[in-house]
C-alpha atoms as a PDB file:
ATOM      1  CA  MET A   1     -23.112  37.570 -43.680  1.00  0.00           C
ATOM      2  CA  ALA A   2     -26.709  37.304 -45.036  1.00  0.00           C
ATOM      3  CA  GLY A   3     -28.311  38.338 -41.527  1.00  0.00           C
ATOM      4  CA  LEU A   4     -26.223  41.363 -40.878  1.00  0.00           C
ATOM      5  CA  ALA A   5     -26.654  42.604 -44.322  1.00  0.00           C
ATOM      6  CA  GLY A   6     -30.270  42.083 -44.079  1.00  0.00           C
ATOM      7  CA  ALA A   7     -30.448  43.780 -40.458  1.00  0.00           C
ATOM      8  CA  GLY A   8     -28.029  46.599 -42.104  1.00  0.00           C
ATOM      9  CA  LEU A   9     -30.861  46.506 -45.318  1.00  0.00           C
ATOM     10  CA  ALA A  10     -33.668  47.166 -43.084  1.00  0.00           C
ATOM     11  CA  THR A  11     -32.204  49.982 -41.177  1.00  0.00           C
ATOM     12  CA  ALA A  12     -30.595  51.683 -43.614  1.00  0.00           C
ATOM     13  CA  GLY A  13     -31.814  50.780 -46.847  1.00  0.00           C
ATOM     14  CA  PRO A  14     -29.761  49.192 -50.203  1.00  0.00           C
ATOM     15  CA  SER A  15     -26.841  52.024 -50.052  1.00  0.00           C
ATOM     16  CA  VAL A  16     -25.201  50.107 -47.112  1.00  0.00           C
ATOM     17  CA  LEU A  17     -24.509  46.990 -49.102  1.00  0.00           C
ATOM     18  CA  LEU A  18     -21.433  47.375 -50.849  1.00  0.00           C
ATOM     19  CA  TRP A  19     -20.527  45.273 -53.856  1.00  0.00           C
ATOM     20  CA  GLN A  20     -17.073  44.620 -53.664  1.00  0.00           C
ATOM     21  CA  GLY A  21     -17.441  42.811 -49.775  1.00  0.00           C
ATOM     22  CA  TRP A  22     -20.095  40.899 -51.395  1.00  0.00           C
ATOM     23  CA  GLN A  23     -18.072  39.586 -54.461  1.00  0.00           C
ATOM     24  CA  LYS A  24     -15.670  38.689 -52.226  1.00  0.00           C
ATOM     25  CA  VAL A  25     -18.324  36.115 -50.093  1.00  0.00           C
ATOM     26  CA  LEU A  26     -19.643  34.938 -53.052  1.00  0.00           C
ATOM     27  CA  ILE A  27     -16.308  33.948 -54.838  1.00  0.00           C
ATOM     28  CA  GLY A  28     -15.476  32.371 -51.159  1.00  0.00           C
ATOM     29  CA  LEU A  29     -18.746  30.203 -51.601  1.00  0.00           C
ATOM     30  CA  GLY A  30     -18.360  29.439 -55.196  1.00  0.00           C
ATOM     31  CA  PHE A  31     -14.932  28.114 -54.734  1.00  0.00           C
ATOM     32  CA  SER A  32     -15.864  26.423 -51.498  1.00  0.00           C
ATOM     33  CA  THR A  33     -18.511  24.038 -52.742  1.00  0.00           C
ATOM     34  CA  LEU A  34     -16.470  23.498 -55.778  1.00  0.00           C
ATOM     35  CA  LEU A  35     -13.359  22.305 -53.785  1.00  0.00           C
ATOM     36  CA  GLY A  36     -15.752  20.563 -51.403  1.00  0.00           C
ATOM     37  CA  PHE A  37     -17.596  18.585 -54.175  1.00  0.00           C
ATOM     38  CA  PHE A  38     -14.242  17.426 -55.974  1.00  0.00           C
ATOM     39  CA  GLY A  39     -12.851  16.808 -53.072  1.00  0.00           C
ATOM     40  CA  GLY A  40     -15.483  14.446 -51.660  1.00  0.00           C
ATOM     41  CA  ILE A  41     -15.362  13.073 -54.926  1.00  0.00           C
ATOM     42  CA  THR A  42     -12.001  12.461 -55.102  1.00  0.00           C
ATOM     43  CA  VAL A  43     -11.826  10.786 -51.554  1.00  0.00           C
ATOM     44  CA  MET A  44     -14.385   8.810 -52.206  1.00  0.00           C
ATOM     45  CA  VAL A  45     -12.862   7.221 -55.485  1.00  0.00           C
ATOM     46  CA  ALA A  46      -9.881   6.531 -53.242  1.00  0.00           C
ATOM     47  CA  ILE A  47     -11.999   5.085 -50.823  1.00  0.00           C
ATOM     48  CA  TYR A  48     -13.219   3.089 -53.352  1.00  0.00           C
ATOM     49  CA  TRP A  49      -9.907   1.920 -54.825  1.00  0.00           C
ATOM     50  CA  LEU A  50      -8.247   0.671 -52.003  1.00  0.00           C
ATOM     51  CA  PHE A  51     -11.085  -1.255 -50.827  1.00  0.00           C
ATOM     52  CA  HIS A  52     -12.746  -2.511 -53.713  1.00  0.00           C
ATOM     53  CA  ARG A  53     -11.150  -5.998 -53.745  1.00  0.00           C
ATOM     54  CA  ALA A  54     -11.062  -6.172 -49.545  1.00  0.00           C
ATOM     55  CA  ASN A  55     -13.534  -8.804 -47.930  1.00  0.00           C
ATOM     56  CA  ARG A  56     -16.527  -7.667 -46.624  1.00  0.00           C
ATOM     57  CA  ALA A  57     -16.012  -9.523 -43.250  1.00  0.00           C
ATOM     58  CA  PHE A  58     -13.214  -7.250 -42.385  1.00  0.00           C
ATOM     59  CA  VAL A  59     -14.507  -3.938 -44.618  1.00  0.00           C
ATOM     60  CA  ASN A  60     -17.684  -3.559 -42.604  1.00  0.00           C
ATOM     61  CA  PRO A  61     -16.925  -3.499 -38.885  1.00  0.00           C
ATOM     62  CA  LEU A  62     -13.839  -1.274 -39.931  1.00  0.00           C
ATOM     63  CA  PHE A  63     -16.316   1.320 -41.465  1.00  0.00           C
ATOM     64  CA  ARG A  64     -18.652   0.829 -39.008  1.00  0.00           C
ATOM     65  CA  ARG A  65     -16.328   2.396 -36.337  1.00  0.00           C
ATOM     66  CA  LEU A  66     -14.992   4.784 -38.567  1.00  0.00           C
ATOM     67  CA  GLN A  67     -18.379   6.160 -39.698  1.00  0.00           C
ATOM     68  CA  ILE A  68     -18.702   6.927 -35.753  1.00  0.00           C
ATOM     69  CA  LEU A  69     -15.628   8.637 -35.942  1.00  0.00           C
ATOM     70  CA  SER A  70     -16.395  10.667 -38.597  1.00  0.00           C
ATOM     71  CA  ALA A  71     -19.948  11.751 -37.157  1.00  0.00           C
ATOM     72  CA  ALA A  72     -18.001  12.927 -33.971  1.00  0.00           C
ATOM     73  CA  PHE A  73     -15.403  14.529 -35.887  1.00  0.00           C
ATOM     74  CA  MET A  74     -18.323  16.308 -37.820  1.00  0.00           C
ATOM     75  CA  ALA A  75     -20.052  17.260 -34.755  1.00  0.00           C
ATOM     76  CA  PHE A  76     -17.055  18.635 -32.979  1.00  0.00           C
ATOM     77  CA  SER A  77     -16.118  21.195 -36.431  1.00  0.00           C
ATOM     78  CA  HIS A  78     -20.257  21.916 -37.020  1.00  0.00           C
ATOM     79  CA  GLY A  79     -19.945  23.993 -33.130  1.00  0.00           C
ATOM     80  CA  SER A  80     -16.516  24.494 -33.255  1.00  0.00           C
ATOM     81  CA  ASN A  81     -16.874  28.047 -34.683  1.00  0.00           C
ATOM     82  CA  ASP A  82     -19.859  29.405 -32.608  1.00  0.00           C
ATOM     83  CA  GLY A  83     -17.827  30.848 -30.061  1.00  0.00           C
ATOM     84  CA  GLN A  84     -16.507  33.466 -32.896  1.00  0.00           C
ATOM     85  CA  LYS A  85     -19.750  34.083 -34.343  1.00  0.00           C
ATOM     86  CA  PHE A  86     -20.695  34.952 -31.083  1.00  0.00           C
ATOM     87  CA  MET A  87     -18.039  37.241 -30.099  1.00  0.00           C
ATOM     88  CA  GLY A  88     -17.999  38.964 -33.618  1.00  0.00           C
ATOM     89  CA  THR A  89     -21.333  39.610 -33.479  1.00  0.00           C
ATOM     90  CA  PHE A  90     -21.672  40.756 -29.859  1.00  0.00           C
ATOM     91  CA  SER A  91     -18.496  43.089 -30.254  1.00  0.00           C
ATOM     92  CA  LEU A  92     -20.326  44.701 -33.383  1.00  0.00           C
ATOM     93  CA  ALA A  93     -23.478  45.778 -31.081  1.00  0.00           C
ATOM     94  CA  LEU A  94     -21.450  47.121 -28.683  1.00  0.00           C
ATOM     95  CA  PHE A  95     -19.799  49.048 -31.262  1.00  0.00           C
ATOM     96  CA  LEU A  96     -22.793  50.288 -33.488  1.00  0.00           C
ATOM     97  CA  GLY A  97     -24.598  51.009 -29.569  1.00  0.00           C
ATOM     98  CA  GLY A  98     -21.381  53.536 -28.895  1.00  0.00           C
ATOM     99  CA  VAL A  99     -20.388  51.400 -26.293  1.00  0.00           C
ATOM    100  CA  LEU A 100     -16.582  50.552 -27.691  1.00  0.00           C
ATOM    101  CA  PRO A 101     -14.999  53.320 -29.473  1.00  0.00           C
ATOM    102  CA  GLN A 102     -13.309  51.275 -31.862  1.00  0.00           C
ATOM    103  CA  PHE A 103     -14.513  47.933 -33.689  1.00  0.00           C
ATOM    104  CA  GLN A 104     -12.729  45.204 -31.442  1.00  0.00           C
ATOM    105  CA  VAL A 105     -13.333  42.298 -29.422  1.00  0.00           C
ATOM    106  CA  PRO A 106     -12.981  43.011 -25.561  1.00  0.00           C
ATOM    107  CA  PHE A 107     -10.894  40.656 -23.366  1.00  0.00           C
ATOM    108  CA  GLY A 108     -13.719  39.863 -21.256  1.00  0.00           C
ATOM    109  CA  LEU A 109     -16.081  38.661 -24.073  1.00  0.00           C
ATOM    110  CA  PHE A 110     -13.825  35.569 -24.364  1.00  0.00           C
ATOM    111  CA  SER A 111     -15.089  33.683 -21.132  1.00  0.00           C
ATOM    112  CA  PHE A 112     -18.129  34.156 -21.985  1.00  0.00           C
ATOM    113  CA  ALA A 113     -17.681  32.207 -25.691  1.00  0.00           C
ATOM    114  CA  ARG A 114     -16.052  29.491 -24.062  1.00  0.00           C
ATOM    115  CA  SER A 115     -18.683  27.794 -22.675  1.00  0.00           C
END
């Protein structure tokens, strides 16, 4: 959002930035931050409560393996929306360049984003 807003601001000035759109973005940003923070605390307290009396010889190997799984999931989820970002940005460039008559993602663009 910020990259597209910066490009619009540099091209056409501050009149192209609509407060109604930014208001939705800022509300989502604030809500997701609070939800992530309190959700993380809740999960951390629940894990601590479940394992606080467990034997360390059992917990350390278990959590060592689970940390690898967690890192793999984090890496997957971090890159899972890169294709959608490419398709949206490229479609916007095609629309603004006059190649597309209306803003839509061309079907052929899906094959580029899957690699």
